[in-house]
Amino acid sequence: MTISHGWNGPVKAEPDFEQLLKVLRREAPDRPTLFEFFHNGPLYNVLAAGGDAAPGSPEQTVIAFRNAGYDYATILPSDYHFPGGEHHNEQTISLNEGNVITDRASFEAYEWPDPATASFAPLERAAAVLPEGMKIISQGPGGVLENIIGLVGFDNLCFLLADDPELTKAIFDAVGARLVAFYRAFVQHDAVGAIIGNDDWGFKTQPMISPDDMRRYVVPWHKRIAQVAHDAGKPAVMHSCGNLAVLMDDIIDDIGYDGKHSYEDAIMPIEEAYETYSDRIALLGGLDVDFVIRSTPDEVYRRAKAMLERSADRGAYALGTGNSVPEYIPDEHFFAMIKAAVEER
């Protein structure tokens, strides 16, 4: 039997952020719950069609998330960032291009942006149109490791780790302290329901730097970011790509993240990850992006439905893709996935 998976218009049921909070507390929500880090511009246009919000605006993002059946919207709260050199604008970018810190002199000459002067206008605009029952989840301008690779370059970072640990620590501390201050500046906002610590840590087979170096330079700053959220009475979600099996105890027990996002079938399918970790941390998303692209809409629907059934009684799971919804995911495949969660609403 073929099931229709087209867009049928906005989900009628009202959002209820408490459902996602239950997931993050490793409880069973009252009904299937969705989680996605971000979608894409053309899909936002479809989901928010008929409204008067400008394409690409915070207002449109809120409307699109709400119409698709999410209980929150992810909003980058500010344009605060760490300026670097130029990258070629291609489909992928080099991890060595655009670096601006190469030694002690360039580190000391770098003009560090002050998070105290950051404008949170995007967050305020999103909050102004937020429907009742819905919250905002906000992230940083990249994470600790991501920003340092952007400023230093991956190859150069590897050399610095071996050749100049003192400078390496100074760079990590400079970035980490500013990110902590950035999160602290917006987490108290009434519209913010949770934060995302977004920082890609790994390749398909291992972390990007050694586990010992991760624990020495990166983990302590994520622990402080998560603590900023917890001090505000709000959960913290980690988004990271890559094979982090060797660091999962650090993520769960040391840092204290409430949820983990980003999974690939080639590393650990979401079904296996759920059975391995769901008694310790909530699992968010997980339907491998390659699977969602290459499978039929019916296959996507059936896997999504099976994952929701697997977690229905135990909780600690919200449905979504393994990473995000890029433009090359066909819309009908995305609709097939979310239909598994919202078809009864």
C-alpha atoms as a PDB file:
ATOM      1  CA  MET A   1       0.000   0.000   0.000  1.00  0.00           C
ATOM      2  CA  THR A   2       1.297   3.446  -0.907  1.00  0.00           C
ATOM      3  CA  ILE A   3       0.671   6.208   1.614  1.00  0.00           C
ATOM      4  CA  SER A   4       0.372   9.863   0.629  1.00  0.00           C
ATOM      5  CA  HIS A   5       3.202  11.892   2.135  1.00  0.00           C
ATOM      6  CA  GLY A   6       2.571  15.352   0.725  1.00  0.00           C
ATOM      7  CA  TRP A   7       2.269  18.535   2.750  1.00  0.00           C
ATOM      8  CA  ASN A   8      -1.285  18.826   4.060  1.00  0.00           C
ATOM      9  CA  GLY A   9      -0.907  22.206   5.687  1.00  0.00           C
ATOM     10  CA  PRO A  10      -0.216  23.293   9.251  1.00  0.00           C
ATOM     11  CA  VAL A  11      -0.625  20.854  12.131  1.00  0.00           C
ATOM     12  CA  LYS A  12      -3.773  21.955  13.936  1.00  0.00           C
ATOM     13  CA  ALA A  13      -2.811  20.907  17.459  1.00  0.00           C
ATOM     14  CA  GLU A  14      -1.183  23.600  19.577  1.00  0.00           C
ATOM     15  CA  PRO A  15       2.512  23.284  20.483  1.00  0.00           C
ATOM     16  CA  ASP A  16       3.423  22.049  23.945  1.00  0.00           C
ATOM     17  CA  PHE A  17       7.081  22.448  24.928  1.00  0.00           C
ATOM     18  CA  GLU A  18       6.480  20.305  27.992  1.00  0.00           C
ATOM     19  CA  GLN A  19       6.483  17.284  25.656  1.00  0.00           C
ATOM     20  CA  LEU A  20      10.078  17.925  24.622  1.00  0.00           C
ATOM     21  CA  LEU A  21      11.024  18.597  28.243  1.00  0.00           C
ATOM     22  CA  LYS A  22       9.679  15.145  29.104  1.00  0.00           C
ATOM     23  CA  VAL A  23      11.882  13.647  26.411  1.00  0.00           C
ATOM     24  CA  LEU A  24      14.920  15.491  27.785  1.00  0.00           C
ATOM     25  CA  ARG A  25      14.077  14.192  31.274  1.00  0.00           C
ATOM     26  CA  ARG A  26      14.121  10.699  29.725  1.00  0.00           C
ATOM     27  CA  GLU A  27      10.404  10.317  30.246  1.00  0.00           C
ATOM     28  CA  ALA A  28       7.763   9.230  27.754  1.00  0.00           C
ATOM     29  CA  PRO A  29       5.984  12.232  26.202  1.00  0.00           C
ATOM     30  CA  ASP A  30       2.205  12.194  25.970  1.00  0.00           C
ATOM     31  CA  ARG A  31       2.428  11.974  22.172  1.00  0.00           C
ATOM     32  CA  PRO A  32       5.187  11.589  19.554  1.00  0.00           C
ATOM     33  CA  THR A  33       7.532  14.560  19.603  1.00  0.00           C
ATOM     34  CA  LEU A  34       9.769  16.036  16.914  1.00  0.00           C
ATOM     35  CA  PHE A  35      13.307  17.394  17.059  1.00  0.00           C
ATOM     36  CA  GLU A  36      15.377  19.010  14.316  1.00  0.00           C
ATOM     37  CA  PHE A  37      18.395  21.325  14.502  1.00  0.00           C
ATOM     38  CA  PHE A  38      17.476  23.254  11.362  1.00  0.00           C
ATOM     39  CA  HIS A  39      15.725  22.843   8.009  1.00  0.00           C
ATOM     40  CA  ASN A  40      16.413  24.816   4.813  1.00  0.00           C
ATOM     41  CA  GLY A  41      15.209  28.005   3.183  1.00  0.00           C
ATOM     42  CA  PRO A  42      12.940  26.547   0.481  1.00  0.00           C
ATOM     43  CA  LEU A  43      11.345  24.179   3.005  1.00  0.00           C
ATOM     44  CA  TYR A  44      10.731  27.056   5.422  1.00  0.00           C
ATOM     45  CA  ASN A  45       8.997  28.837   2.525  1.00  0.00           C
ATOM     46  CA  VAL A  46       6.691  25.841   2.052  1.00  0.00           C
ATOM     47  CA  LEU A  47       5.962  25.372   5.745  1.00  0.00           C
ATOM     48  CA  ALA A  48       5.272  29.071   6.326  1.00  0.00           C
ATOM     49  CA  ALA A  49       3.402  29.656   3.054  1.00  0.00           C
ATOM     50  CA  GLY A  50       0.520  32.081   3.315  1.00  0.00           C
ATOM     51  CA  GLY A  51       2.088  34.095   6.099  1.00  0.00           C
ATOM     52  CA  ASP A  52       3.619  37.514   5.775  1.00  0.00           C
ATOM     53  CA  ALA A  53       6.969  36.779   7.429  1.00  0.00           C
ATOM     54  CA  ALA A  54       9.993  37.611   5.290  1.00  0.00           C
ATOM     55  CA  PRO A  55      11.935  34.628   3.905  1.00  0.00           C
ATOM     56  CA  GLY A  56      14.912  33.808   6.101  1.00  0.00           C
ATOM     57  CA  SER A  57      13.610  35.865   9.011  1.00  0.00           C
ATOM     58  CA  PRO A  58      13.343  34.685  12.628  1.00  0.00           C
ATOM     59  CA  GLU A  59       9.579  35.171  12.352  1.00  0.00           C
ATOM     60  CA  GLN A  60       9.388  32.784   9.385  1.00  0.00           C
ATOM     61  CA  THR A  61      11.439  30.171  11.230  1.00  0.00           C
ATOM     62  CA  VAL A  62       9.027  30.228  14.173  1.00  0.00           C
ATOM     63  CA  ILE A  63       5.997  29.906  11.890  1.00  0.00           C
ATOM     64  CA  ALA A  64       7.575  27.068   9.880  1.00  0.00           C
ATOM     65  CA  PHE A  65       8.492  25.043  12.968  1.00  0.00           C
ATOM     66  CA  ARG A  66       5.058  25.569  14.473  1.00  0.00           C
ATOM     67  CA  ASN A  67       3.195  24.615  11.281  1.00  0.00           C
ATOM     68  CA  ALA A  68       5.214  21.399  10.930  1.00  0.00           C
ATOM     69  CA  GLY A  69       4.311  20.261  14.448  1.00  0.00           C
ATOM     70  CA  TYR A  70       7.379  21.175  16.495  1.00  0.00           C
ATOM     71  CA  ASP A  71       7.035  22.452  20.048  1.00  0.00           C
ATOM     72  CA  TYR A  72       9.914  24.890  19.642  1.00  0.00           C
ATOM     73  CA  ALA A  73      11.935  26.709  17.000  1.00  0.00           C
ATOM     74  CA  THR A  74      15.715  26.862  16.800  1.00  0.00           C
ATOM     75  CA  ILE A  75      16.912  30.428  16.492  1.00  0.00           C
ATOM     76  CA  LEU A  76      20.505  31.645  16.236  1.00  0.00           C
ATOM     77  CA  PRO A  77      20.025  34.419  18.796  1.00  0.00           C
ATOM     78  CA  SER A  78      22.662  36.875  17.573  1.00  0.00           C
ATOM     79  CA  ASP A  79      25.128  37.623  14.789  1.00  0.00           C
ATOM     80  CA  TYR A  80      27.971  37.399  17.317  1.00  0.00           C
ATOM     81  CA  HIS A  81      30.883  35.393  15.896  1.00  0.00           C
ATOM     82  CA  PHE A  82      34.670  35.068  15.788  1.00  0.00           C
ATOM     83  CA  PRO A  83      35.858  36.779  12.583  1.00  0.00           C
ATOM     84  CA  GLY A  84      38.283  34.773  10.498  1.00  0.00           C
ATOM     85  CA  GLY A  85      39.843  34.881   7.060  1.00  0.00           C
ATOM     86  CA  GLU A  86      38.074  34.251   3.787  1.00  0.00           C
ATOM     87  CA  HIS A  87      36.911  30.811   2.658  1.00  0.00           C
ATOM     88  CA  HIS A  88      36.097  29.817  -0.896  1.00  0.00           C
ATOM     89  CA  ASN A  89      32.316  29.603  -1.170  1.00  0.00           C
ATOM     90  CA  GLU A  90      31.946  25.971  -2.251  1.00  0.00           C
ATOM     91  CA  GLN A  91      29.719  23.047  -1.266  1.00  0.00           C
ATOM     92  CA  THR A  92      32.398  22.037   1.242  1.00  0.00           C
ATOM     93  CA  ILE A  93      35.143  24.071   2.879  1.00  0.00           C
ATOM     94  CA  SER A  94      38.715  23.380   3.899  1.00  0.00           C
ATOM     95  CA  LEU A  95      39.430  23.040   7.613  1.00  0.00           C
ATOM     96  CA  ASN A  96      42.741  24.790   6.974  1.00  0.00           C
ATOM     97  CA  GLU A  97      41.545  27.795   4.992  1.00  0.00           C
ATOM     98  CA  GLY A  98      40.847  31.189   6.527  1.00  0.00           C
ATOM     99  CA  ASN A  99      42.901  30.744   9.686  1.00  0.00           C
ATOM    100  CA  VAL A 100      44.109  33.956  11.315  1.00  0.00           C
ATOM    101  CA  ILE A 101      45.960  32.696  14.424  1.00  0.00           C
ATOM    102  CA  THR A 102      49.199  30.827  13.778  1.00  0.00           C
ATOM    103  CA  ASP A 103      51.471  31.752  16.694  1.00  0.00           C
ATOM    104  CA  ARG A 104      51.673  33.745  19.933  1.00  0.00           C
ATOM    105  CA  ALA A 105      52.006  37.087  18.127  1.00  0.00           C
ATOM    106  CA  SER A 106      48.908  36.587  15.953  1.00  0.00           C
ATOM    107  CA  PHE A 107      47.002  35.312  18.988  1.00  0.00           C
ATOM    108  CA  GLU A 108      47.804  38.461  20.941  1.00  0.00           C
ATOM    109  CA  ALA A 109      47.014  40.671  17.935  1.00  0.00           C
ATOM    110  CA  TYR A 110      43.609  39.110  17.287  1.00  0.00           C
ATOM    111  CA  GLU A 111      40.697  41.436  18.116  1.00  0.00           C
ATOM    112  CA  TRP A 112      38.430  39.238  20.210  1.00  0.00           C
ATOM    113  CA  PRO A 113      34.722  40.098  19.917  1.00  0.00           C
ATOM    114  CA  ASP A 114      33.069  41.045  23.203  1.00  0.00           C
ATOM    115  CA  PRO A 115      29.922  39.006  23.960  1.00  0.00           C
ATOM    116  CA  ALA A 116      28.774  41.808  26.273  1.00  0.00           C
ATOM    117  CA  THR A 117      28.136  43.945  23.192  1.00  0.00           C
ATOM    118  CA  ALA A 118      26.249  41.286  21.241  1.00  0.00           C
ATOM    119  CA  SER A 119      22.815  42.209  19.920  1.00  0.00           C
ATOM    120  CA  PHE A 120      20.117  39.590  20.457  1.00  0.00           C
ATOM    121  CA  ALA A 121      17.667  41.141  18.035  1.00  0.00           C
ATOM    122  CA  PRO A 122      16.936  37.823  16.207  1.00  0.00           C
ATOM    123  CA  LEU A 123      15.950  36.220  19.523  1.00  0.00           C
ATOM    124  CA  GLU A 124      13.726  39.174  20.425  1.00  0.00           C
ATOM    125  CA  ARG A 125      12.029  39.117  17.025  1.00  0.00           C
ATOM    126  CA  ALA A 126      11.341  35.379  17.288  1.00  0.00           C
ATOM    127  CA  ALA A 127      10.036  35.752  20.833  1.00  0.00           C
ATOM    128  CA  ALA A 128       7.597  38.440  19.724  1.00  0.00           C
ATOM    129  CA  VAL A 129       5.710  35.999  17.444  1.00  0.00           C
ATOM    130  CA  LEU A 130       6.082  32.837  19.513  1.00  0.00           C
ATOM    131  CA  PRO A 131       2.754  30.994  19.885  1.00  0.00           C
ATOM    132  CA  GLU A 132       1.557  30.026  23.335  1.00  0.00           C
ATOM    133  CA  GLY A 133       3.015  26.716  24.447  1.00  0.00           C
ATOM    134  CA  MET A 134       6.057  27.053  22.196  1.00  0.00           C
ATOM    135  CA  LYS A 135       9.633  27.909  23.168  1.00  0.00           C
ATOM    136  CA  ILE A 136      12.877  28.850  21.464  1.00  0.00           C
ATOM    137  CA  ILE A 137      15.986  26.686  21.524  1.00  0.00           C
ATOM    138  CA  SER A 138      19.105  28.707  20.774  1.00  0.00           C
ATOM    139  CA  GLN A 139      22.657  27.724  19.958  1.00  0.00           C
ATOM    140  CA  GLY A 140      26.066  29.307  19.796  1.00  0.00           C
ATOM    141  CA  PRO A 141      27.899  30.684  16.751  1.00  0.00           C
ATOM    142  CA  GLY A 142      29.595  27.320  16.355  1.00  0.00           C
ATOM    143  CA  GLY A 143      31.261  25.549  19.248  1.00  0.00           C
ATOM    144  CA  VAL A 144      34.546  25.579  21.087  1.00  0.00           C
ATOM    145  CA  LEU A 145      36.421  23.176  18.808  1.00  0.00           C
ATOM    146  CA  GLU A 146      34.748  24.394  15.611  1.00  0.00           C
ATOM    147  CA  ASN A 147      35.654  28.016  16.251  1.00  0.00           C
ATOM    148  CA  ILE A 148      39.234  27.191  17.138  1.00  0.00           C
ATOM    149  CA  ILE A 149      39.660  25.134  13.970  1.00  0.00           C
ATOM    150  CA  GLY A 150      38.246  28.109  12.071  1.00  0.00           C
ATOM    151  CA  LEU A 151      40.674  30.532  13.707  1.00  0.00           C
ATOM    152  CA  VAL A 152      43.770  28.299  13.760  1.00  0.00           C
ATOM    153  CA  GLY A 153      43.241  25.724  10.997  1.00  0.00           C
ATOM    154  CA  PHE A 154      43.022  21.990  11.625  1.00  0.00           C
ATOM    155  CA  ASP A 155      46.570  21.091  10.592  1.00  0.00           C
ATOM    156  CA  ASN A 156      47.983  24.019  12.571  1.00  0.00           C
ATOM    157  CA  LEU A 157      45.961  22.984  15.614  1.00  0.00           C
ATOM    158  CA  CYS A 158      47.463  19.504  15.455  1.00  0.00           C
ATOM    159  CA  PHE A 159      50.955  21.017  15.439  1.00  0.00           C
ATOM    160  CA  LEU A 160      50.126  23.392  18.286  1.00  0.00           C
ATOM    161  CA  LEU A 161      48.790  20.558  20.429  1.00  0.00           C
ATOM    162  CA  ALA A 162      52.194  18.901  20.211  1.00  0.00           C
ATOM    163  CA  ASP A 163      54.492  21.914  20.050  1.00  0.00           C
ATOM    164  CA  ASP A 164      52.934  24.588  22.258  1.00  0.00           C
ATOM    165  CA  PRO A 165      50.397  23.323  24.809  1.00  0.00           C
ATOM    166  CA  GLU A 166      50.525  26.635  26.671  1.00  0.00           C
ATOM    167  CA  LEU A 167      49.445  28.633  23.617  1.00  0.00           C
ATOM    168  CA  THR A 168      46.901  25.943  22.752  1.00  0.00           C
ATOM    169  CA  LYS A 169      45.296  26.295  26.176  1.00  0.00           C
ATOM    170  CA  ALA A 170      45.291  30.094  25.890  1.00  0.00           C
ATOM    171  CA  ILE A 171      43.405  29.905  22.584  1.00  0.00           C
ATOM    172  CA  PHE A 172      40.863  27.420  23.913  1.00  0.00           C
ATOM    173  CA  ASP A 173      40.353  29.523  27.022  1.00  0.00           C
ATOM    174  CA  ALA A 174      39.860  32.687  24.961  1.00  0.00           C
ATOM    175  CA  VAL A 175      37.157  31.073  22.833  1.00  0.00           C
ATOM    176  CA  GLY A 176      35.574  29.018  25.607  1.00  0.00           C
ATOM    177  CA  ALA A 177      35.199  31.887  28.057  1.00  0.00           C
ATOM    178  CA  ARG A 178      33.497  34.053  25.440  1.00  0.00           C
ATOM    179  CA  LEU A 179      31.095  31.313  24.433  1.00  0.00           C
ATOM    180  CA  VAL A 180      30.142  30.749  28.081  1.00  0.00           C
ATOM    181  CA  ALA A 181      29.466  34.481  28.419  1.00  0.00           C
ATOM    182  CA  PHE A 182      27.457  34.428  25.188  1.00  0.00           C
ATOM    183  CA  TYR A 183      25.199  31.624  26.417  1.00  0.00           C
ATOM    184  CA  ARG A 184      24.816  33.302  29.798  1.00  0.00           C
ATOM    185  CA  ALA A 185      23.665  36.485  28.058  1.00  0.00           C
ATOM    186  CA  PHE A 186      20.614  34.902  26.421  1.00  0.00           C
ATOM    187  CA  VAL A 187      19.698  31.808  28.434  1.00  0.00           C
ATOM    188  CA  GLN A 188      17.685  33.783  30.983  1.00  0.00           C
ATOM    189  CA  HIS A 189      15.298  35.071  28.309  1.00  0.00           C
ATOM    190  CA  ASP A 190      11.778  33.866  29.111  1.00  0.00           C
ATOM    191  CA  ALA A 191      11.239  32.591  25.562  1.00  0.00           C
ATOM    192  CA  VAL A 192      14.308  30.331  25.661  1.00  0.00           C
ATOM    193  CA  GLY A 193      13.390  26.819  26.732  1.00  0.00           C
ATOM    194  CA  ALA A 194      16.732  25.077  26.186  1.00  0.00           C
ATOM    195  CA  ILE A 195      20.135  25.568  24.602  1.00  0.00           C
ATOM    196  CA  ILE A 196      22.167  23.614  22.072  1.00  0.00           C
ATOM    197  CA  GLY A 197      25.908  23.220  22.471  1.00  0.00           C
ATOM    198  CA  ASN A 198      26.711  22.861  18.777  1.00  0.00           C
ATOM    199  CA  ASP A 199      30.253  21.704  18.128  1.00  0.00           C
ATOM    200  CA  ASP A 200      31.289  19.036  15.634  1.00  0.00           C
ATOM    201  CA  TRP A 201      33.819  16.851  17.429  1.00  0.00           C
ATOM    202  CA  GLY A 202      34.447  13.889  15.191  1.00  0.00           C
ATOM    203  CA  PHE A 203      35.069  12.118  11.926  1.00  0.00           C
ATOM    204  CA  LYS A 204      33.333   8.878  10.955  1.00  0.00           C
ATOM    205  CA  THR A 205      35.844   6.766  12.868  1.00  0.00           C
ATOM    206  CA  GLN A 206      37.082   8.881  15.804  1.00  0.00           C
ATOM    207  CA  PRO A 207      37.204  12.323  17.431  1.00  0.00           C
ATOM    208  CA  MET A 208      39.002  15.071  15.518  1.00  0.00           C
ATOM    209  CA  ILE A 209      41.724  15.311  18.173  1.00  0.00           C
ATOM    210  CA  SER A 210      42.754  12.720  20.747  1.00  0.00           C
ATOM    211  CA  PRO A 211      40.347  11.890  23.586  1.00  0.00           C
ATOM    212  CA  ASP A 212      42.928  13.108  26.103  1.00  0.00           C
ATOM    213  CA  ASP A 213      43.196  16.455  24.322  1.00  0.00           C
ATOM    214  CA  MET A 214      39.403  16.662  24.081  1.00  0.00           C
ATOM    215  CA  ARG A 215      39.196  16.181  27.835  1.00  0.00           C
ATOM    216  CA  ARG A 216      41.974  18.651  28.481  1.00  0.00           C
ATOM    217  CA  TYR A 217      40.845  21.519  26.238  1.00  0.00           C
ATOM    218  CA  VAL A 218      37.250  21.056  25.033  1.00  0.00           C
ATOM    219  CA  VAL A 219      35.179  19.108  27.564  1.00  0.00           C
ATOM    220  CA  PRO A 220      35.688  21.578  30.463  1.00  0.00           C
ATOM    221  CA  TRP A 221      34.225  24.428  28.419  1.00  0.00           C
ATOM    222  CA  HIS A 222      31.212  22.382  27.369  1.00  0.00           C
ATOM    223  CA  LYS A 223      30.695  21.490  31.001  1.00  0.00           C
ATOM    224  CA  ARG A 224      30.499  25.187  31.791  1.00  0.00           C
ATOM    225  CA  ILE A 225      28.118  25.841  28.888  1.00  0.00           C
ATOM    226  CA  ALA A 226      25.789  23.077  30.084  1.00  0.00           C
ATOM    227  CA  GLN A 227      26.025  24.418  33.622  1.00  0.00           C
ATOM    228  CA  VAL A 228      24.939  27.880  32.427  1.00  0.00           C
ATOM    229  CA  ALA A 229      21.729  26.294  31.118  1.00  0.00           C
ATOM    230  CA  HIS A 230      21.184  24.171  34.209  1.00  0.00           C
ATOM    231  CA  ASP A 231      21.724  27.147  36.503  1.00  0.00           C
ATOM    232  CA  ALA A 232      18.870  28.822  34.609  1.00  0.00           C
ATOM    233  CA  GLY A 233      16.695  25.741  35.126  1.00  0.00           C
ATOM    234  CA  LYS A 234      16.834  24.774  31.460  1.00  0.00           C
ATOM    235  CA  PRO A 235      18.131  21.667  29.657  1.00  0.00           C
ATOM    236  CA  ALA A 236      21.191  21.548  27.432  1.00  0.00           C
ATOM    237  CA  VAL A 237      21.395  19.541  24.210  1.00  0.00           C
ATOM    238  CA  MET A 238      24.610  18.579  22.471  1.00  0.00           C
ATOM    239  CA  HIS A 239      24.793  18.612  18.677  1.00  0.00           C
ATOM    240  CA  SER A 240      27.925  16.985  17.305  1.00  0.00           C
ATOM    241  CA  CYS A 241      28.700  14.926  14.249  1.00  0.00           C
ATOM    242  CA  GLY A 242      31.214  12.123  14.221  1.00  0.00           C
ATOM    243  CA  ASN A 243      32.075   8.943  16.076  1.00  0.00           C
ATOM    244  CA  LEU A 244      32.125   9.946  19.744  1.00  0.00           C
ATOM    245  CA  ALA A 245      31.801   6.509  21.340  1.00  0.00           C
ATOM    246  CA  VAL A 246      35.004   7.024  23.308  1.00  0.00           C
ATOM    247  CA  LEU A 247      33.650  10.331  24.675  1.00  0.00           C
ATOM    248  CA  MET A 248      30.052   9.413  25.494  1.00  0.00           C
ATOM    249  CA  ASP A 249      30.797   8.969  29.200  1.00  0.00           C
ATOM    250  CA  ASP A 250      32.281  12.477  29.200  1.00  0.00           C
ATOM    251  CA  ILE A 251      29.223  13.874  27.412  1.00  0.00           C
ATOM    252  CA  ILE A 252      26.783  12.207  29.785  1.00  0.00           C
ATOM    253  CA  ASP A 253      28.513  11.990  33.149  1.00  0.00           C
ATOM    254  CA  ASP A 254      31.051  14.815  33.147  1.00  0.00           C
ATOM    255  CA  ILE A 255      29.474  17.534  31.007  1.00  0.00           C
ATOM    256  CA  GLY A 256      25.924  16.562  31.898  1.00  0.00           C
ATOM    257  CA  TYR A 257      24.171  17.154  28.589  1.00  0.00           C
ATOM    258  CA  ASP A 258      20.487  16.193  28.718  1.00  0.00           C
ATOM    259  CA  GLY A 259      20.187  15.197  25.069  1.00  0.00           C
ATOM    260  CA  LYS A 260      22.463  14.194  22.202  1.00  0.00           C
ATOM    261  CA  HIS A 261      21.798  15.007  18.552  1.00  0.00           C
ATOM    262  CA  SER A 262      23.390  13.848  15.273  1.00  0.00           C
ATOM    263  CA  TYR A 263      23.694  10.200  14.239  1.00  0.00           C
ATOM    264  CA  GLU A 264      24.818   8.290  11.157  1.00  0.00           C
ATOM    265  CA  ASP A 265      24.019   4.711  10.237  1.00  0.00           C
ATOM    266  CA  ALA A 266      27.671   4.223   9.235  1.00  0.00           C
ATOM    267  CA  ILE A 267      28.721   5.022  12.814  1.00  0.00           C
ATOM    268  CA  MET A 268      25.835   3.746  14.967  1.00  0.00           C
ATOM    269  CA  PRO A 269      22.221   3.557  13.762  1.00  0.00           C
ATOM    270  CA  ILE A 270      19.765   5.407  15.952  1.00  0.00           C
ATOM    271  CA  GLU A 271      18.080   2.138  16.928  1.00  0.00           C
ATOM    272  CA  GLU A 272      21.350   0.809  18.352  1.00  0.00           C
ATOM    273  CA  ALA A 273      22.204   4.144  19.955  1.00  0.00           C
ATOM    274  CA  TYR A 274      18.804   4.218  21.627  1.00  0.00           C
ATOM    275  CA  GLU A 275      19.253   0.764  23.134  1.00  0.00           C
ATOM    276  CA  THR A 276      22.764   1.674  24.290  1.00  0.00           C
ATOM    277  CA  TYR A 277      22.248   5.117  25.811  1.00  0.00           C
ATOM    278  CA  SER A 278      18.561   5.953  26.352  1.00  0.00           C
ATOM    279  CA  ASP A 279      18.676   5.122  30.053  1.00  0.00           C
ATOM    280  CA  ARG A 280      21.374   7.801  30.480  1.00  0.00           C
ATOM    281  CA  ILE A 281      20.641  10.556  27.946  1.00  0.00           C
ATOM    282  CA  ALA A 282      17.818  11.541  25.589  1.00  0.00           C
ATOM    283  CA  LEU A 283      18.386  10.758  21.922  1.00  0.00           C
ATOM    284  CA  LEU A 284      17.168  13.305  19.402  1.00  0.00           C
ATOM    285  CA  GLY A 285      16.617  12.801  15.689  1.00  0.00           C
ATOM    286  CA  GLY A 286      18.682   9.996  14.261  1.00  0.00           C
ATOM    287  CA  LEU A 287      17.155   8.997  10.919  1.00  0.00           C
ATOM    288  CA  ASP A 288      20.313   8.978   8.830  1.00  0.00           C
ATOM    289  CA  VAL A 289      20.281  11.789   6.258  1.00  0.00           C
ATOM    290  CA  ASP A 290      21.548   9.480   3.510  1.00  0.00           C
ATOM    291  CA  PHE A 291      18.763   7.016   4.352  1.00  0.00           C
ATOM    292  CA  VAL A 292      16.124   9.747   4.220  1.00  0.00           C
ATOM    293  CA  ILE A 293      17.414  10.885   0.821  1.00  0.00           C
ATOM    294  CA  ARG A 294      17.830   7.496  -0.865  1.00  0.00           C
ATOM    295  CA  SER A 295      14.826   5.637   0.557  1.00  0.00           C
ATOM    296  CA  THR A 296      11.264   5.873  -0.651  1.00  0.00           C
ATOM    297  CA  PRO A 297       8.841   8.020   1.345  1.00  0.00           C
ATOM    298  CA  ASP A 298       7.110   4.827   2.512  1.00  0.00           C
ATOM    299  CA  GLU A 299      10.412   3.430   3.794  1.00  0.00           C
ATOM    300  CA  VAL A 300      11.157   6.677   5.608  1.00  0.00           C
ATOM    301  CA  TYR A 301       7.694   6.664   7.170  1.00  0.00           C
ATOM    302  CA  ARG A 302       7.957   3.045   8.296  1.00  0.00           C
ATOM    303  CA  ARG A 303      11.371   3.519   9.925  1.00  0.00           C
ATOM    304  CA  ALA A 304      10.208   6.697  11.660  1.00  0.00           C
ATOM    305  CA  LYS A 305       7.059   4.942  12.876  1.00  0.00           C
ATOM    306  CA  ALA A 306       9.056   1.968  14.142  1.00  0.00           C
ATOM    307  CA  MET A 307      11.434   4.237  16.038  1.00  0.00           C
ATOM    308  CA  LEU A 308       8.525   5.992  17.720  1.00  0.00           C
ATOM    309  CA  GLU A 309       6.976   2.653  18.644  1.00  0.00           C
ATOM    310  CA  ARG A 310      10.313   1.419  20.038  1.00  0.00           C
ATOM    311  CA  SER A 311      10.515   4.431  22.348  1.00  0.00           C
ATOM    312  CA  ALA A 312       6.836   4.949  23.147  1.00  0.00           C
ATOM    313  CA  ASP A 313       6.877   3.424  26.631  1.00  0.00           C
ATOM    314  CA  ARG A 314      10.474   4.213  27.591  1.00  0.00           C
ATOM    315  CA  GLY A 315      10.633   7.787  26.325  1.00  0.00           C
ATOM    316  CA  ALA A 316      13.923   9.675  25.923  1.00  0.00           C
ATOM    317  CA  TYR A 317      13.424  10.034  22.169  1.00  0.00           C
ATOM    318  CA  ALA A 318      12.215  12.701  19.724  1.00  0.00           C
ATOM    319  CA  LEU A 319      11.955  12.025  16.005  1.00  0.00           C
ATOM    320  CA  GLY A 320      14.032  13.782  13.362  1.00  0.00           C
ATOM    321  CA  THR A 321      16.844  13.388  10.884  1.00  0.00           C
ATOM    322  CA  GLY A 322      20.319  12.390  11.920  1.00  0.00           C
ATOM    323  CA  ASN A 323      21.666  15.889  11.374  1.00  0.00           C
ATOM    324  CA  SER A 324      19.463  18.466   9.638  1.00  0.00           C
ATOM    325  CA  VAL A 325      17.211  18.895   6.586  1.00  0.00           C
ATOM    326  CA  PRO A 326      19.388  20.197   3.735  1.00  0.00           C
ATOM    327  CA  GLU A 327      17.864  21.232   0.417  1.00  0.00           C
ATOM    328  CA  TYR A 328      18.818  17.943  -1.241  1.00  0.00           C
ATOM    329  CA  ILE A 329      16.398  15.990   0.969  1.00  0.00           C
ATOM    330  CA  PRO A 330      13.231  15.787  -1.151  1.00  0.00           C
ATOM    331  CA  ASP A 331      10.367  17.540   0.594  1.00  0.00           C
ATOM    332  CA  GLU A 332       8.102  14.493   0.372  1.00  0.00           C
ATOM    333  CA  HIS A 333      10.709  12.428   2.240  1.00  0.00           C
ATOM    334  CA  PHE A 334      10.769  14.987   5.037  1.00  0.00           C
ATOM    335  CA  PHE A 335       6.966  15.057   5.132  1.00  0.00           C
ATOM    336  CA  ALA A 336       6.911  11.253   5.323  1.00  0.00           C
ATOM    337  CA  MET A 337       9.174  11.386   8.367  1.00  0.00           C
ATOM    338  CA  ILE A 338       7.230  13.991  10.336  1.00  0.00           C
ATOM    339  CA  LYS A 339       3.901  12.410   9.374  1.00  0.00           C
ATOM    340  CA  ALA A 340       4.834   9.475  11.586  1.00  0.00           C
ATOM    341  CA  ALA A 341       4.758  11.846  14.566  1.00  0.00           C
ATOM    342  CA  VAL A 342       1.963  14.260  13.712  1.00  0.00           C
ATOM    343  CA  GLU A 343      -0.616  12.222  11.794  1.00  0.00           C
ATOM    344  CA  GLU A 344      -2.818  11.782  14.880  1.00  0.00           C
ATOM    345  CA  ARG A 345      -2.751  15.459  15.871  1.00  0.00           C
END
